[in-house]
Amino acid sequence: MKRFLIISLVALVLFSCESIEEPQILGTYRYQPENCNPTVTPGYNCSSFIIFSEGGIADVLLGGDVISRTTFKIKGEKIKVQKNEQFGLELEFRYIDSQTIRNEENKALWKKD
């Protein structure tokens, strides 16, 4: 009888746990400041983009002309872009909806292409 109660309790706990679904964010997101005019300074792009790909790969351009490859992790609604040798920053975004993420440092909204 004791075994039956323990097994029932374990089964109840396992079935009652809710799984947290991570947002599907794969794709390209862009941010362009209001005063950005790339034609004023050719060769310097004032807009930024990030491409989230399968396998946790992120390609990032934060202004300028150098695209850096790094990795990202999703935990709940938070998206963390990892710092590495090529990409010297750590970024954190929050999933807003299927078309928008928000940079948690400056609260800028990035829109999906």
C-alpha atoms as a PDB file:
ATOM      1  CA  MET A   1       0.000   0.000   0.000  1.00  0.00           C
ATOM      2  CA  LYS A   2       2.885   2.333   0.801  1.00  0.00           C
ATOM      3  CA  ARG A   3       4.387   1.793  -2.659  1.00  0.00           C
ATOM      4  CA  PHE A   4       1.070   2.513  -4.329  1.00  0.00           C
ATOM      5  CA  LEU A   5       0.764   5.822  -2.461  1.00  0.00           C
ATOM      6  CA  ILE A   6       4.317   6.862  -3.297  1.00  0.00           C
ATOM      7  CA  ILE A   7       3.920   5.983  -6.974  1.00  0.00           C
ATOM      8  CA  SER A   8       0.579   7.798  -7.091  1.00  0.00           C
ATOM      9  CA  LEU A   9       2.085  10.867  -5.460  1.00  0.00           C
ATOM     10  CA  VAL A  10       5.053  10.927  -7.867  1.00  0.00           C
ATOM     11  CA  ALA A  11       2.731  10.496 -10.864  1.00  0.00           C
ATOM     12  CA  LEU A  12       0.506  13.299  -9.614  1.00  0.00           C
ATOM     13  CA  VAL A  13       3.476  15.648  -9.239  1.00  0.00           C
ATOM     14  CA  LEU A  14       4.831  14.820 -12.703  1.00  0.00           C
ATOM     15  CA  PHE A  15       1.483  15.298 -14.457  1.00  0.00           C
ATOM     16  CA  SER A  16       0.626  18.496 -12.623  1.00  0.00           C
ATOM     17  CA  CYS A  17       3.831  20.336 -13.534  1.00  0.00           C
ATOM     18  CA  GLU A  18       3.315  22.914 -16.278  1.00  0.00           C
ATOM     19  CA  SER A  19       5.942  23.139 -18.929  1.00  0.00           C
ATOM     20  CA  ILE A  20       7.147  26.639 -19.728  1.00  0.00           C
ATOM     21  CA  GLU A  21       7.069  27.128 -23.463  1.00  0.00           C
ATOM     22  CA  GLU A  22       9.933  29.116 -24.858  1.00  0.00           C
ATOM     23  CA  PRO A  23       9.090  31.665 -27.540  1.00  0.00           C
ATOM     24  CA  GLN A  24       9.880  30.855 -31.153  1.00  0.00           C
ATOM     25  CA  ILE A  25      12.238  33.695 -32.039  1.00  0.00           C
ATOM     26  CA  LEU A  26      14.151  32.398 -35.047  1.00  0.00           C
ATOM     27  CA  GLY A  27      14.566  35.064 -37.705  1.00  0.00           C
ATOM     28  CA  THR A  28      15.925  38.578 -38.162  1.00  0.00           C
ATOM     29  CA  TYR A  29      15.132  41.495 -35.855  1.00  0.00           C
ATOM     30  CA  ARG A  30      16.089  45.106 -36.635  1.00  0.00           C
ATOM     31  CA  TYR A  31      16.450  48.317 -34.686  1.00  0.00           C
ATOM     32  CA  GLN A  32      16.897  51.716 -36.305  1.00  0.00           C
ATOM     33  CA  PRO A  33      17.135  54.851 -34.145  1.00  0.00           C
ATOM     34  CA  GLU A  34      14.831  57.723 -35.104  1.00  0.00           C
ATOM     35  CA  ASN A  35      17.693  60.009 -36.148  1.00  0.00           C
ATOM     36  CA  CYS A  36      19.418  57.305 -38.221  1.00  0.00           C
ATOM     37  CA  ASN A  37      20.144  58.312 -41.823  1.00  0.00           C
ATOM     38  CA  PRO A  38      22.618  55.869 -43.391  1.00  0.00           C
ATOM     39  CA  THR A  39      23.031  58.047 -46.513  1.00  0.00           C
ATOM     40  CA  VAL A  40      24.646  60.837 -44.473  1.00  0.00           C
ATOM     41  CA  THR A  41      27.674  58.736 -43.556  1.00  0.00           C
ATOM     42  CA  PRO A  42      28.217  56.112 -46.281  1.00  0.00           C
ATOM     43  CA  GLY A  43      30.050  53.043 -45.036  1.00  0.00           C
ATOM     44  CA  TYR A  44      28.570  53.370 -41.564  1.00  0.00           C
ATOM     45  CA  ASN A  45      25.228  51.754 -40.928  1.00  0.00           C
ATOM     46  CA  CYS A  46      23.489  53.249 -37.892  1.00  0.00           C
ATOM     47  CA  SER A  47      20.820  50.546 -37.793  1.00  0.00           C
ATOM     48  CA  SER A  48      21.352  47.250 -35.980  1.00  0.00           C
ATOM     49  CA  PHE A  49      20.153  43.729 -36.551  1.00  0.00           C
ATOM     50  CA  ILE A  50      20.350  40.303 -34.996  1.00  0.00           C
ATOM     51  CA  ILE A  51      19.657  36.991 -36.703  1.00  0.00           C
ATOM     52  CA  PHE A  52      18.617  34.135 -34.426  1.00  0.00           C
ATOM     53  CA  SER A  53      19.278  30.768 -36.103  1.00  0.00           C
ATOM     54  CA  GLU A  54      18.728  27.147 -35.141  1.00  0.00           C
ATOM     55  CA  GLY A  55      21.278  25.645 -32.804  1.00  0.00           C
ATOM     56  CA  GLY A  56      21.471  28.795 -30.676  1.00  0.00           C
ATOM     57  CA  ILE A  57      23.543  30.782 -33.205  1.00  0.00           C
ATOM     58  CA  ALA A  58      23.189  34.575 -33.364  1.00  0.00           C
ATOM     59  CA  ASP A  59      24.707  36.899 -35.966  1.00  0.00           C
ATOM     60  CA  VAL A  60      24.799  40.464 -34.666  1.00  0.00           C
ATOM     61  CA  LEU A  61      25.443  43.851 -36.272  1.00  0.00           C
ATOM     62  CA  LEU A  62      25.330  46.790 -33.861  1.00  0.00           C
ATOM     63  CA  GLY A  63      25.966  49.673 -36.229  1.00  0.00           C
ATOM     64  CA  GLY A  64      29.053  49.801 -38.386  1.00  0.00           C
ATOM     65  CA  ASP A  65      29.833  47.060 -40.879  1.00  0.00           C
ATOM     66  CA  VAL A  66      31.097  44.068 -38.875  1.00  0.00           C
ATOM     67  CA  ILE A  67      28.736  41.151 -38.268  1.00  0.00           C
ATOM     68  CA  SER A  68      29.729  39.094 -35.236  1.00  0.00           C
ATOM     69  CA  ARG A  69      28.752  35.467 -34.649  1.00  0.00           C
ATOM     70  CA  THR A  70      27.914  34.341 -31.142  1.00  0.00           C
ATOM     71  CA  THR A  71      25.367  32.193 -29.338  1.00  0.00           C
ATOM     72  CA  PHE A  72      22.110  32.810 -27.509  1.00  0.00           C
ATOM     73  CA  LYS A  73      20.019  31.081 -24.867  1.00  0.00           C
ATOM     74  CA  ILE A  74      16.325  31.373 -24.090  1.00  0.00           C
ATOM     75  CA  LYS A  75      14.929  31.072 -20.601  1.00  0.00           C
ATOM     76  CA  GLY A  76      11.241  31.844 -20.373  1.00  0.00           C
ATOM     77  CA  GLU A  77      10.775  35.260 -21.993  1.00  0.00           C
ATOM     78  CA  LYS A  78      14.439  36.245 -21.640  1.00  0.00           C
ATOM     79  CA  ILE A  79      16.868  35.911 -24.525  1.00  0.00           C
ATOM     80  CA  LYS A  80      20.549  36.189 -23.604  1.00  0.00           C
ATOM     81  CA  VAL A  81      23.094  36.827 -26.330  1.00  0.00           C
ATOM     82  CA  GLN A  82      26.408  35.511 -25.062  1.00  0.00           C
ATOM     83  CA  LYS A  83      29.722  37.346 -24.984  1.00  0.00           C
ATOM     84  CA  ASN A  84      32.632  35.612 -26.738  1.00  0.00           C
ATOM     85  CA  GLU A  85      36.002  36.457 -28.298  1.00  0.00           C
ATOM     86  CA  GLN A  86      34.449  37.838 -31.489  1.00  0.00           C
ATOM     87  CA  PHE A  87      31.437  39.534 -29.888  1.00  0.00           C
ATOM     88  CA  GLY A  88      32.548  41.534 -26.854  1.00  0.00           C
ATOM     89  CA  LEU A  89      29.113  42.284 -25.386  1.00  0.00           C
ATOM     90  CA  GLU A  90      26.439  40.404 -23.540  1.00  0.00           C
ATOM     91  CA  LEU A  91      22.924  41.438 -24.549  1.00  0.00           C
ATOM     92  CA  GLU A  92      19.622  40.613 -22.937  1.00  0.00           C
ATOM     93  CA  PHE A  93      16.289  40.849 -24.701  1.00  0.00           C
ATOM     94  CA  ARG A  94      12.725  40.180 -23.574  1.00  0.00           C
ATOM     95  CA  TYR A  95      10.225  38.495 -25.865  1.00  0.00           C
ATOM     96  CA  ILE A  96       7.247  40.849 -26.309  1.00  0.00           C
ATOM     97  CA  ASP A  97       5.285  39.114 -29.076  1.00  0.00           C
ATOM     98  CA  SER A  98       5.878  37.156 -32.288  1.00  0.00           C
ATOM     99  CA  GLN A  99       7.136  40.316 -34.048  1.00  0.00           C
ATOM    100  CA  THR A 100       8.931  42.230 -31.279  1.00  0.00           C
ATOM    101  CA  ILE A 101      11.739  41.836 -28.760  1.00  0.00           C
ATOM    102  CA  ARG A 102      12.969  44.522 -26.337  1.00  0.00           C
ATOM    103  CA  ASN A 103      16.578  45.267 -25.427  1.00  0.00           C
ATOM    104  CA  GLU A 104      16.553  45.199 -21.632  1.00  0.00           C
ATOM    105  CA  GLU A 105      19.432  47.683 -21.303  1.00  0.00           C
ATOM    106  CA  ASN A 106      17.965  50.617 -23.228  1.00  0.00           C
ATOM    107  CA  LYS A 107      14.337  49.390 -23.704  1.00  0.00           C
ATOM    108  CA  ALA A 108      14.625  49.730 -27.506  1.00  0.00           C
ATOM    109  CA  LEU A 109      12.116  47.669 -29.477  1.00  0.00           C
ATOM    110  CA  TRP A 110      13.491  45.453 -32.243  1.00  0.00           C
ATOM    111  CA  LYS A 111      11.059  44.424 -34.990  1.00  0.00           C
ATOM    112  CA  LYS A 112      11.078  41.164 -36.914  1.00  0.00           C
ATOM    113  CA  ASP A 113      11.630  41.336 -40.698  1.00  0.00           C
END
